[in-house]
N, C-alpha and C. Protein backbone atom coordinates (compact mmCIF):
# COMPACT_ATOMS: atom_id res chain seq x y z
N MET A 1 0.84 -1.18 0.00
CA MET A 1 0.00 0.00 0.00
C MET A 1 0.88 1.24 0.00
N THR A 2 0.68 2.12 -0.93
CA THR A 2 1.43 3.37 -0.99
C THR A 2 0.62 4.46 -0.33
N LEU A 3 1.25 5.15 0.58
CA LEU A 3 0.60 6.24 1.30
C LEU A 3 1.16 7.56 0.81
N PRO A 4 0.33 8.60 0.73
CA PRO A 4 0.86 9.90 0.33
C PRO A 4 1.89 10.39 1.36
N PHE A 5 3.02 10.83 0.88
CA PHE A 5 4.09 11.33 1.75
C PHE A 5 3.61 12.59 2.48
N GLY A 6 3.89 12.65 3.78
CA GLY A 6 3.62 13.85 4.57
C GLY A 6 2.22 14.00 5.10
N VAL A 7 1.34 13.05 4.81
CA VAL A 7 -0.02 13.08 5.37
C VAL A 7 0.08 12.80 6.86
N THR A 8 -0.74 13.46 7.66
CA THR A 8 -0.75 13.22 9.10
C THR A 8 -2.13 12.80 9.55
N GLY A 9 -2.18 12.22 10.73
CA GLY A 9 -3.43 11.87 11.37
C GLY A 9 -3.26 11.90 12.87
N VAL A 10 -4.36 12.07 13.56
CA VAL A 10 -4.38 12.05 15.03
C VAL A 10 -5.20 10.84 15.42
N ILE A 11 -4.56 9.93 16.17
CA ILE A 11 -5.21 8.66 16.51
C ILE A 11 -5.09 8.38 18.01
N ILE A 12 -5.95 7.52 18.48
CA ILE A 12 -5.87 7.02 19.86
C ILE A 12 -5.57 5.53 19.76
N PRO A 13 -4.35 5.14 20.16
CA PRO A 13 -3.99 3.72 20.07
C PRO A 13 -4.82 2.88 21.03
N VAL A 14 -5.21 1.69 20.57
CA VAL A 14 -5.94 0.71 21.38
C VAL A 14 -5.06 -0.54 21.40
N LEU A 15 -4.05 -0.50 22.26
CA LEU A 15 -3.02 -1.53 22.23
C LEU A 15 -3.52 -2.89 22.69
N ALA A 16 -4.62 -2.94 23.43
CA ALA A 16 -5.19 -4.23 23.84
C ALA A 16 -5.70 -5.01 22.62
N ALA A 17 -5.94 -4.33 21.51
CA ALA A 17 -6.43 -5.00 20.31
C ALA A 17 -5.29 -5.57 19.46
N GLU A 18 -4.06 -5.19 19.75
CA GLU A 18 -2.93 -5.65 18.94
C GLU A 18 -2.83 -7.17 18.84
N PRO A 19 -2.87 -7.92 19.97
CA PRO A 19 -2.75 -9.38 19.84
C PRO A 19 -3.87 -9.99 18.99
N LEU A 20 -5.05 -9.43 19.07
CA LEU A 20 -6.18 -9.92 18.28
C LEU A 20 -5.94 -9.69 16.79
N LEU A 21 -5.45 -8.51 16.44
CA LEU A 21 -5.29 -8.16 15.03
C LEU A 21 -4.00 -8.68 14.42
N ASP A 22 -3.11 -9.19 15.26
CA ASP A 22 -1.86 -9.77 14.75
C ASP A 22 -1.96 -11.28 14.50
N ARG A 23 -3.15 -11.81 14.57
CA ARG A 23 -3.34 -13.26 14.37
C ARG A 23 -3.19 -13.66 12.92
N PRO A 24 -2.81 -14.93 12.69
CA PRO A 24 -2.76 -15.43 11.31
C PRO A 24 -4.13 -15.31 10.65
N GLY A 25 -4.13 -14.93 9.41
CA GLY A 25 -5.37 -14.78 8.65
C GLY A 25 -5.93 -13.38 8.67
N VAL A 26 -5.45 -12.54 9.60
CA VAL A 26 -5.90 -11.15 9.64
C VAL A 26 -4.92 -10.34 8.79
N PRO A 27 -5.44 -9.62 7.79
CA PRO A 27 -4.52 -8.86 6.93
C PRO A 27 -3.66 -7.88 7.73
N PRO A 28 -2.40 -7.70 7.32
CA PRO A 28 -1.51 -6.78 8.05
C PRO A 28 -1.99 -5.34 7.96
N ARG A 29 -1.55 -4.56 8.94
CA ARG A 29 -1.93 -3.14 9.01
C ARG A 29 -0.68 -2.28 8.88
N ALA A 30 -0.89 -1.02 8.50
CA ALA A 30 0.23 -0.08 8.35
C ALA A 30 0.46 0.74 9.60
N VAL A 31 -0.41 0.58 10.60
CA VAL A 31 -0.29 1.36 11.84
C VAL A 31 -0.95 0.54 12.95
N GLU A 32 -0.58 0.85 14.19
CA GLU A 32 -1.15 0.12 15.34
C GLU A 32 -2.67 0.27 15.38
N ALA A 33 -3.31 -0.68 16.08
CA ALA A 33 -4.76 -0.63 16.27
C ALA A 33 -5.12 0.70 16.94
N HIS A 34 -6.16 1.34 16.41
CA HIS A 34 -6.48 2.68 16.91
C HIS A 34 -7.91 3.09 16.54
N VAL A 35 -8.36 4.15 17.19
CA VAL A 35 -9.55 4.87 16.79
C VAL A 35 -9.06 6.23 16.30
N THR A 36 -9.46 6.61 15.11
CA THR A 36 -9.01 7.87 14.53
C THR A 36 -9.75 9.04 15.16
N VAL A 37 -9.01 10.08 15.52
CA VAL A 37 -9.60 11.34 15.96
C VAL A 37 -9.80 12.23 14.74
N LEU A 38 -8.73 12.43 13.97
CA LEU A 38 -8.84 13.26 12.77
C LEU A 38 -7.80 12.83 11.74
N PHE A 39 -8.31 12.59 10.53
CA PHE A 39 -7.46 12.25 9.39
C PHE A 39 -8.15 12.77 8.15
N PRO A 40 -7.43 13.37 7.22
CA PRO A 40 -6.06 13.86 7.36
C PRO A 40 -6.03 15.14 8.19
N TRP A 41 -4.92 15.35 8.83
CA TRP A 41 -4.73 16.54 9.64
C TRP A 41 -3.75 17.46 8.92
N VAL A 42 -3.13 18.39 9.62
CA VAL A 42 -2.22 19.35 9.02
C VAL A 42 -1.05 18.61 8.36
N PRO A 43 -0.82 18.82 7.06
CA PRO A 43 0.30 18.14 6.40
C PRO A 43 1.64 18.49 7.04
N MET A 44 2.56 17.54 6.99
CA MET A 44 3.86 17.72 7.65
C MET A 44 4.56 19.01 7.23
N ASP A 45 4.47 19.39 5.98
CA ASP A 45 5.18 20.58 5.52
C ASP A 45 4.54 21.88 5.97
N ARG A 46 3.35 21.80 6.61
CA ARG A 46 2.69 23.00 7.14
C ARG A 46 2.49 22.92 8.65
N LEU A 47 2.88 21.81 9.26
CA LEU A 47 2.70 21.60 10.69
C LEU A 47 3.65 22.50 11.48
N THR A 48 3.10 23.17 12.50
CA THR A 48 3.91 24.07 13.32
C THR A 48 4.00 23.56 14.75
N ASP A 49 4.97 24.10 15.48
CA ASP A 49 5.07 23.77 16.91
C ASP A 49 3.80 24.20 17.63
N GLU A 50 3.21 25.31 17.22
CA GLU A 50 1.96 25.78 17.84
C GLU A 50 0.83 24.77 17.62
N ASP A 51 0.75 24.19 16.44
CA ASP A 51 -0.26 23.15 16.19
C ASP A 51 -0.09 22.01 17.18
N GLU A 52 1.13 21.56 17.36
CA GLU A 52 1.39 20.43 18.26
C GLU A 52 1.11 20.81 19.71
N ARG A 53 1.45 22.04 20.11
CA ARG A 53 1.16 22.48 21.49
C ARG A 53 -0.34 22.56 21.74
N ALA A 54 -1.09 23.07 20.75
CA ALA A 54 -2.55 23.16 20.89
C ALA A 54 -3.17 21.77 21.00
N LEU A 55 -2.68 20.85 20.21
CA LEU A 55 -3.17 19.47 20.27
C LEU A 55 -2.84 18.86 21.63
N ALA A 56 -1.62 19.06 22.10
CA ALA A 56 -1.22 18.53 23.41
C ALA A 56 -2.12 19.09 24.51
N ALA A 57 -2.47 20.36 24.44
CA ALA A 57 -3.33 20.97 25.46
C ALA A 57 -4.73 20.35 25.44
N MET A 58 -5.26 20.06 24.25
CA MET A 58 -6.59 19.43 24.17
C MET A 58 -6.59 18.07 24.86
N PHE A 59 -5.55 17.30 24.61
CA PHE A 59 -5.50 15.96 25.22
C PHE A 59 -5.15 16.03 26.70
N ALA A 60 -4.43 17.05 27.11
CA ALA A 60 -4.15 17.22 28.54
C ALA A 60 -5.44 17.46 29.32
N ASP A 61 -6.45 18.01 28.65
CA ASP A 61 -7.76 18.25 29.28
C ASP A 61 -8.72 17.08 29.11
N THR A 62 -8.24 15.98 28.57
CA THR A 62 -9.08 14.81 28.29
C THR A 62 -8.79 13.71 29.31
N PRO A 63 -9.79 13.24 30.03
CA PRO A 63 -9.53 12.11 30.94
C PRO A 63 -9.31 10.82 30.16
N PRO A 64 -8.64 9.84 30.78
CA PRO A 64 -8.51 8.53 30.13
C PRO A 64 -9.89 7.99 29.74
N ILE A 65 -9.91 7.19 28.70
CA ILE A 65 -11.15 6.61 28.18
C ILE A 65 -11.13 5.11 28.43
N ASP A 66 -12.09 4.64 29.20
CA ASP A 66 -12.27 3.19 29.39
C ASP A 66 -13.18 2.71 28.27
N VAL A 67 -12.63 1.89 27.39
CA VAL A 67 -13.35 1.49 26.19
C VAL A 67 -13.61 -0.01 26.20
N ARG A 68 -14.73 -0.36 25.57
CA ARG A 68 -15.11 -1.76 25.38
C ARG A 68 -15.36 -1.94 23.89
N LEU A 69 -14.78 -2.98 23.34
CA LEU A 69 -14.97 -3.32 21.92
C LEU A 69 -15.62 -4.70 21.89
N ALA A 70 -16.91 -4.74 21.54
CA ALA A 70 -17.64 -6.01 21.62
C ALA A 70 -18.41 -6.35 20.36
N GLU A 71 -18.47 -5.41 19.43
CA GLU A 71 -19.37 -5.59 18.29
C GLU A 71 -18.67 -5.24 16.98
N PHE A 72 -18.72 -6.18 16.03
CA PHE A 72 -18.25 -5.90 14.68
C PHE A 72 -19.35 -5.18 13.92
N ARG A 73 -18.92 -4.26 13.07
CA ARG A 73 -19.82 -3.59 12.14
C ARG A 73 -19.10 -3.44 10.81
N HIS A 74 -19.86 -2.97 9.81
CA HIS A 74 -19.31 -2.84 8.46
C HIS A 74 -19.59 -1.47 7.87
N PHE A 75 -18.60 -0.94 7.18
CA PHE A 75 -18.76 0.12 6.20
C PHE A 75 -18.53 -0.59 4.87
N PRO A 76 -18.84 0.05 3.77
CA PRO A 76 -18.45 -0.58 2.49
C PRO A 76 -16.93 -0.82 2.49
N THR A 77 -16.52 -2.01 2.28
CA THR A 77 -15.12 -2.48 2.20
C THR A 77 -14.37 -2.47 3.53
N VAL A 78 -15.05 -2.17 4.64
CA VAL A 78 -14.36 -2.09 5.94
C VAL A 78 -15.11 -2.92 6.99
N LEU A 79 -14.35 -3.74 7.71
CA LEU A 79 -14.84 -4.43 8.90
C LEU A 79 -14.22 -3.71 10.08
N TYR A 80 -15.06 -3.31 11.05
CA TYR A 80 -14.52 -2.57 12.19
C TYR A 80 -15.18 -3.00 13.49
N LEU A 81 -14.51 -2.64 14.57
CA LEU A 81 -15.06 -2.81 15.91
C LEU A 81 -15.58 -1.45 16.37
N ARG A 82 -16.79 -1.47 16.93
CA ARG A 82 -17.40 -0.23 17.44
C ARG A 82 -16.99 -0.02 18.89
N PRO A 83 -16.35 1.12 19.20
CA PRO A 83 -15.97 1.37 20.59
C PRO A 83 -17.18 1.83 21.41
N GLU A 84 -17.23 1.37 22.64
CA GLU A 84 -18.26 1.80 23.59
C GLU A 84 -17.54 2.34 24.82
N PRO A 85 -17.84 3.53 25.26
CA PRO A 85 -18.79 4.48 24.68
C PRO A 85 -18.20 5.17 23.45
N GLU A 86 -19.07 5.70 22.61
CA GLU A 86 -18.63 6.41 21.41
C GLU A 86 -18.39 7.89 21.67
N GLU A 87 -19.12 8.46 22.62
CA GLU A 87 -19.12 9.92 22.78
C GLU A 87 -17.75 10.54 23.04
N PRO A 88 -16.88 9.94 23.86
CA PRO A 88 -15.57 10.59 24.03
C PRO A 88 -14.80 10.74 22.72
N PHE A 89 -14.93 9.79 21.82
CA PHE A 89 -14.25 9.86 20.53
C PHE A 89 -14.91 10.91 19.64
N ARG A 90 -16.24 10.93 19.64
CA ARG A 90 -16.95 11.95 18.85
C ARG A 90 -16.59 13.35 19.34
N ASP A 91 -16.55 13.51 20.66
CA ASP A 91 -16.22 14.81 21.24
C ASP A 91 -14.81 15.26 20.83
N LEU A 92 -13.85 14.36 20.91
CA LEU A 92 -12.48 14.72 20.53
C LEU A 92 -12.41 15.08 19.05
N THR A 93 -13.09 14.32 18.19
CA THR A 93 -13.09 14.65 16.77
C THR A 93 -13.70 16.03 16.55
N ARG A 94 -14.82 16.33 17.20
CA ARG A 94 -15.45 17.64 17.05
C ARG A 94 -14.52 18.75 17.52
N ARG A 95 -13.86 18.55 18.66
CA ARG A 95 -12.98 19.58 19.21
C ARG A 95 -11.78 19.84 18.31
N VAL A 96 -11.14 18.78 17.84
CA VAL A 96 -9.96 18.95 16.99
C VAL A 96 -10.37 19.56 15.64
N ALA A 97 -11.47 19.08 15.06
CA ALA A 97 -11.92 19.62 13.78
C ALA A 97 -12.33 21.09 13.91
N ALA A 98 -12.92 21.47 15.05
CA ALA A 98 -13.30 22.87 15.25
C ALA A 98 -12.07 23.77 15.34
N ARG A 99 -11.01 23.27 15.96
CA ARG A 99 -9.77 24.06 16.10
C ARG A 99 -9.05 24.19 14.76
N TRP A 100 -9.16 23.20 13.89
CA TRP A 100 -8.52 23.20 12.58
C TRP A 100 -9.60 22.98 11.50
N PRO A 101 -10.45 24.00 11.27
CA PRO A 101 -11.59 23.80 10.36
C PRO A 101 -11.21 23.52 8.91
N ASP A 102 -9.98 23.82 8.52
CA ASP A 102 -9.54 23.50 7.16
C ASP A 102 -9.24 22.02 6.98
N HIS A 103 -9.35 21.25 8.07
CA HIS A 103 -9.04 19.82 8.03
C HIS A 103 -10.19 19.01 8.62
N PRO A 104 -11.33 18.94 7.91
CA PRO A 104 -12.47 18.17 8.43
C PRO A 104 -12.15 16.67 8.41
N PRO A 105 -12.84 15.91 9.25
CA PRO A 105 -12.61 14.46 9.28
C PRO A 105 -12.76 13.84 7.89
N TYR A 106 -11.76 13.04 7.51
CA TYR A 106 -11.75 12.33 6.24
C TYR A 106 -11.96 13.28 5.06
N GLY A 107 -11.42 14.50 5.21
CA GLY A 107 -11.52 15.48 4.14
C GLY A 107 -12.93 15.92 3.85
N GLY A 108 -13.88 15.67 4.77
CA GLY A 108 -15.28 16.03 4.58
C GLY A 108 -16.06 15.01 3.77
N GLU A 109 -15.42 13.93 3.36
CA GLU A 109 -16.05 12.94 2.48
C GLU A 109 -17.29 12.29 3.09
N PHE A 110 -17.32 12.15 4.42
CA PHE A 110 -18.43 11.43 5.06
C PHE A 110 -19.29 12.33 5.94
N GLY A 111 -19.19 13.63 5.78
CA GLY A 111 -19.98 14.56 6.58
C GLY A 111 -19.36 14.82 7.93
N ASP A 112 -20.15 15.43 8.81
CA ASP A 112 -19.65 15.86 10.11
C ASP A 112 -19.78 14.81 11.21
N ASP A 113 -20.75 13.92 11.09
CA ASP A 113 -21.00 12.94 12.14
C ASP A 113 -20.25 11.65 11.82
N ILE A 114 -19.03 11.57 12.28
CA ILE A 114 -18.16 10.44 11.96
C ILE A 114 -18.36 9.33 12.98
N GLN A 115 -18.54 8.11 12.49
CA GLN A 115 -18.68 6.94 13.35
C GLN A 115 -17.32 6.53 13.90
N PRO A 116 -17.11 6.62 15.22
CA PRO A 116 -15.85 6.12 15.77
C PRO A 116 -15.72 4.63 15.49
N HIS A 117 -14.50 4.21 15.15
CA HIS A 117 -14.31 2.81 14.79
C HIS A 117 -12.84 2.42 14.89
N LEU A 118 -12.64 1.13 15.10
CA LEU A 118 -11.31 0.54 15.06
C LEU A 118 -11.31 -0.39 13.85
N THR A 119 -10.61 0.00 12.80
CA THR A 119 -10.60 -0.78 11.57
C THR A 119 -9.90 -2.12 11.80
N VAL A 120 -10.55 -3.18 11.37
CA VAL A 120 -9.99 -4.53 11.46
C VAL A 120 -9.48 -4.96 10.09
N THR A 121 -10.31 -4.82 9.05
CA THR A 121 -9.88 -5.10 7.68
C THR A 121 -10.42 -4.00 6.78
N MET A 122 -9.71 -3.79 5.66
CA MET A 122 -10.14 -2.79 4.70
C MET A 122 -9.74 -3.27 3.31
N ASP A 123 -10.67 -3.13 2.38
CA ASP A 123 -10.41 -3.46 0.98
C ASP A 123 -9.97 -4.90 0.79
N VAL A 124 -10.66 -5.82 1.46
CA VAL A 124 -10.42 -7.25 1.27
C VAL A 124 -11.73 -7.90 0.81
N SER A 125 -11.65 -9.13 0.37
CA SER A 125 -12.85 -9.83 -0.11
C SER A 125 -13.82 -10.08 1.04
N ASP A 126 -15.08 -10.30 0.67
CA ASP A 126 -16.10 -10.66 1.67
C ASP A 126 -15.70 -11.94 2.39
N GLU A 127 -15.08 -12.86 1.67
CA GLU A 127 -14.65 -14.12 2.26
C GLU A 127 -13.64 -13.89 3.39
N ILE A 128 -12.68 -13.02 3.15
CA ILE A 128 -11.69 -12.72 4.19
C ILE A 128 -12.35 -11.98 5.35
N GLN A 129 -13.21 -11.01 5.04
CA GLN A 129 -13.92 -10.30 6.12
C GLN A 129 -14.70 -11.27 6.99
N ASN A 130 -15.43 -12.18 6.37
CA ASN A 130 -16.24 -13.15 7.13
C ASN A 130 -15.35 -14.06 7.97
N PHE A 131 -14.24 -14.52 7.40
CA PHE A 131 -13.30 -15.36 8.14
C PHE A 131 -12.78 -14.62 9.37
N VAL A 132 -12.32 -13.40 9.17
CA VAL A 132 -11.75 -12.62 10.27
C VAL A 132 -12.81 -12.37 11.34
N GLU A 133 -13.99 -11.98 10.95
CA GLU A 133 -15.05 -11.72 11.93
C GLU A 133 -15.38 -12.98 12.73
N ASN A 134 -15.50 -14.12 12.05
CA ASN A 134 -15.82 -15.37 12.74
C ASN A 134 -14.69 -15.79 13.69
N GLU A 135 -13.45 -15.67 13.24
CA GLU A 135 -12.30 -16.05 14.06
C GLU A 135 -12.14 -15.18 15.30
N LEU A 136 -12.35 -13.88 15.14
CA LEU A 136 -12.07 -12.94 16.23
C LEU A 136 -13.24 -12.72 17.18
N SER A 137 -14.44 -12.99 16.74
CA SER A 137 -15.61 -12.69 17.57
C SER A 137 -15.61 -13.47 18.88
N VAL A 138 -14.98 -14.64 18.89
CA VAL A 138 -14.94 -15.42 20.13
C VAL A 138 -14.04 -14.77 21.19
N GLU A 139 -13.20 -13.83 20.79
CA GLU A 139 -12.29 -13.14 21.72
C GLU A 139 -12.89 -11.86 22.30
N LEU A 140 -14.08 -11.53 21.87
CA LEU A 140 -14.71 -10.29 22.33
C LEU A 140 -15.54 -10.53 23.57
N PRO A 141 -15.71 -9.57 24.43
CA PRO A 141 -15.28 -8.18 24.26
C PRO A 141 -13.83 -7.97 24.70
N LEU A 142 -13.26 -6.92 24.11
CA LEU A 142 -11.95 -6.41 24.55
C LEU A 142 -12.20 -5.15 25.38
N ARG A 143 -11.37 -4.96 26.35
CA ARG A 143 -11.45 -3.74 27.17
C ARG A 143 -10.06 -3.13 27.25
N ASP A 144 -10.03 -1.80 27.31
CA ASP A 144 -8.75 -1.11 27.44
C ASP A 144 -8.99 0.24 28.08
N ARG A 145 -7.97 0.73 28.73
CA ARG A 145 -7.97 2.11 29.24
C ARG A 145 -7.03 2.89 28.33
N LEU A 146 -7.60 3.85 27.61
CA LEU A 146 -6.84 4.63 26.64
C LEU A 146 -6.33 5.89 27.32
N THR A 147 -5.04 6.10 27.25
CA THR A 147 -4.42 7.16 28.04
C THR A 147 -3.60 8.16 27.23
N GLU A 148 -3.63 8.01 25.89
CA GLU A 148 -2.85 8.94 25.08
C GLU A 148 -3.34 8.94 23.64
N ALA A 149 -2.98 10.01 22.95
CA ALA A 149 -3.21 10.12 21.51
C ALA A 149 -1.85 10.23 20.83
N TRP A 150 -1.82 9.87 19.56
CA TRP A 150 -0.59 9.96 18.79
C TRP A 150 -0.82 10.83 17.57
N LEU A 151 0.19 11.59 17.23
CA LEU A 151 0.26 12.25 15.94
C LEU A 151 1.12 11.35 15.06
N VAL A 152 0.55 10.87 13.97
CA VAL A 152 1.27 9.98 13.07
C VAL A 152 1.40 10.66 11.71
N HIS A 153 2.42 10.25 10.97
CA HIS A 153 2.61 10.78 9.62
C HIS A 153 3.13 9.68 8.72
N SER A 154 2.89 9.88 7.44
CA SER A 154 3.30 8.90 6.44
C SER A 154 4.65 9.28 5.85
N ASP A 155 5.52 8.27 5.72
CA ASP A 155 6.78 8.48 5.01
C ASP A 155 6.66 7.98 3.57
N GLY A 156 5.44 7.69 3.15
CA GLY A 156 5.19 7.19 1.80
C GLY A 156 4.97 5.69 1.76
N GLU A 157 5.43 4.98 2.80
CA GLU A 157 5.27 3.52 2.86
C GLU A 157 4.61 3.05 4.14
N ARG A 158 4.84 3.75 5.22
CA ARG A 158 4.29 3.33 6.52
C ARG A 158 3.97 4.57 7.36
N TRP A 159 3.21 4.32 8.42
CA TRP A 159 2.87 5.38 9.36
C TRP A 159 3.90 5.38 10.48
N LEU A 160 4.36 6.56 10.84
CA LEU A 160 5.34 6.73 11.91
C LEU A 160 4.75 7.64 12.97
N ARG A 161 5.07 7.36 14.23
CA ARG A 161 4.60 8.21 15.32
C ARG A 161 5.53 9.42 15.43
N ARG A 162 4.95 10.59 15.36
CA ARG A 162 5.72 11.83 15.49
C ARG A 162 5.68 12.35 16.92
N ALA A 163 4.53 12.24 17.58
CA ALA A 163 4.38 12.77 18.94
C ALA A 163 3.34 11.96 19.69
N THR A 164 3.49 11.96 21.00
CA THR A 164 2.54 11.31 21.91
C THR A 164 1.97 12.38 22.83
N PHE A 165 0.65 12.37 23.01
CA PHE A 165 -0.03 13.35 23.85
C PHE A 165 -0.77 12.64 24.97
N PRO A 166 -0.23 12.65 26.19
CA PRO A 166 -0.91 11.99 27.31
C PRO A 166 -2.24 12.65 27.65
N PHE A 167 -3.19 11.83 28.05
CA PHE A 167 -4.49 12.33 28.50
C PHE A 167 -4.39 12.75 29.96
N GLY A 168 -5.18 13.76 30.31
CA GLY A 168 -5.42 14.08 31.70
C GLY A 168 -4.31 14.76 32.46
N THR A 169 -3.26 15.17 31.82
CA THR A 169 -2.18 15.80 32.58
C THR A 169 -2.60 17.11 33.19
N ALA A 170 -3.55 17.83 32.56
CA ALA A 170 -4.03 19.08 33.13
C ALA A 170 -5.04 18.82 34.24
N LEU A 171 -5.54 17.58 34.32
CA LEU A 171 -6.55 17.24 35.33
C LEU A 171 -5.94 16.72 36.62
N ARG A 172 -4.67 16.41 36.60
CA ARG A 172 -4.02 15.83 37.78
C ARG A 172 -3.73 16.89 38.81
N PRO A 173 -4.00 16.61 40.08
CA PRO A 173 -3.67 17.58 41.13
C PRO A 173 -2.16 17.71 41.24
N GLU A 174 -1.74 18.94 41.52
CA GLU A 174 -0.31 19.15 41.71
C GLU A 174 0.12 18.58 43.05
N SER A 175 1.30 17.94 43.07
CA SER A 175 1.79 17.40 44.33
C SER A 175 2.68 18.43 45.00
N ASP A 176 2.73 18.34 46.33
CA ASP A 176 3.54 19.32 47.09
C ASP A 176 5.00 18.98 47.05
């Protein structure tokens, strides 16, 4: 898969899903298991330190998210897991998109109300989707505590993590 060089995205890694998605028969991925906050975001050649500081501040005001992944769903050509609850992800997408209105979710292709999701397969045959769903459904539900967001960018072949933004750092009481 060729990725456009310099494209960025803001994602929330769901590392508890990694062992599930790394199983034989599950197509490989170009980035860790995640729920997307905003893609595409500010391109690398226009990204500023101020953009990164503003993003860090948003996530510093975000408490950790306790997520449950128990249900497979489908978009055309995509098999995904629906995160529960959805609202923290929707809220973060709305907040980030409002701060950077020139970068709507998925380039505006799917409107403003984006379904939070963890992609399991994309652009594979129905047979592979059905196999993966049947194989993995016995391992559900998955639970995880999500504590950070990542800024990722494409080098043209793979996604690389550029920055990590911890959740809740502005919410923690100061120690004496």
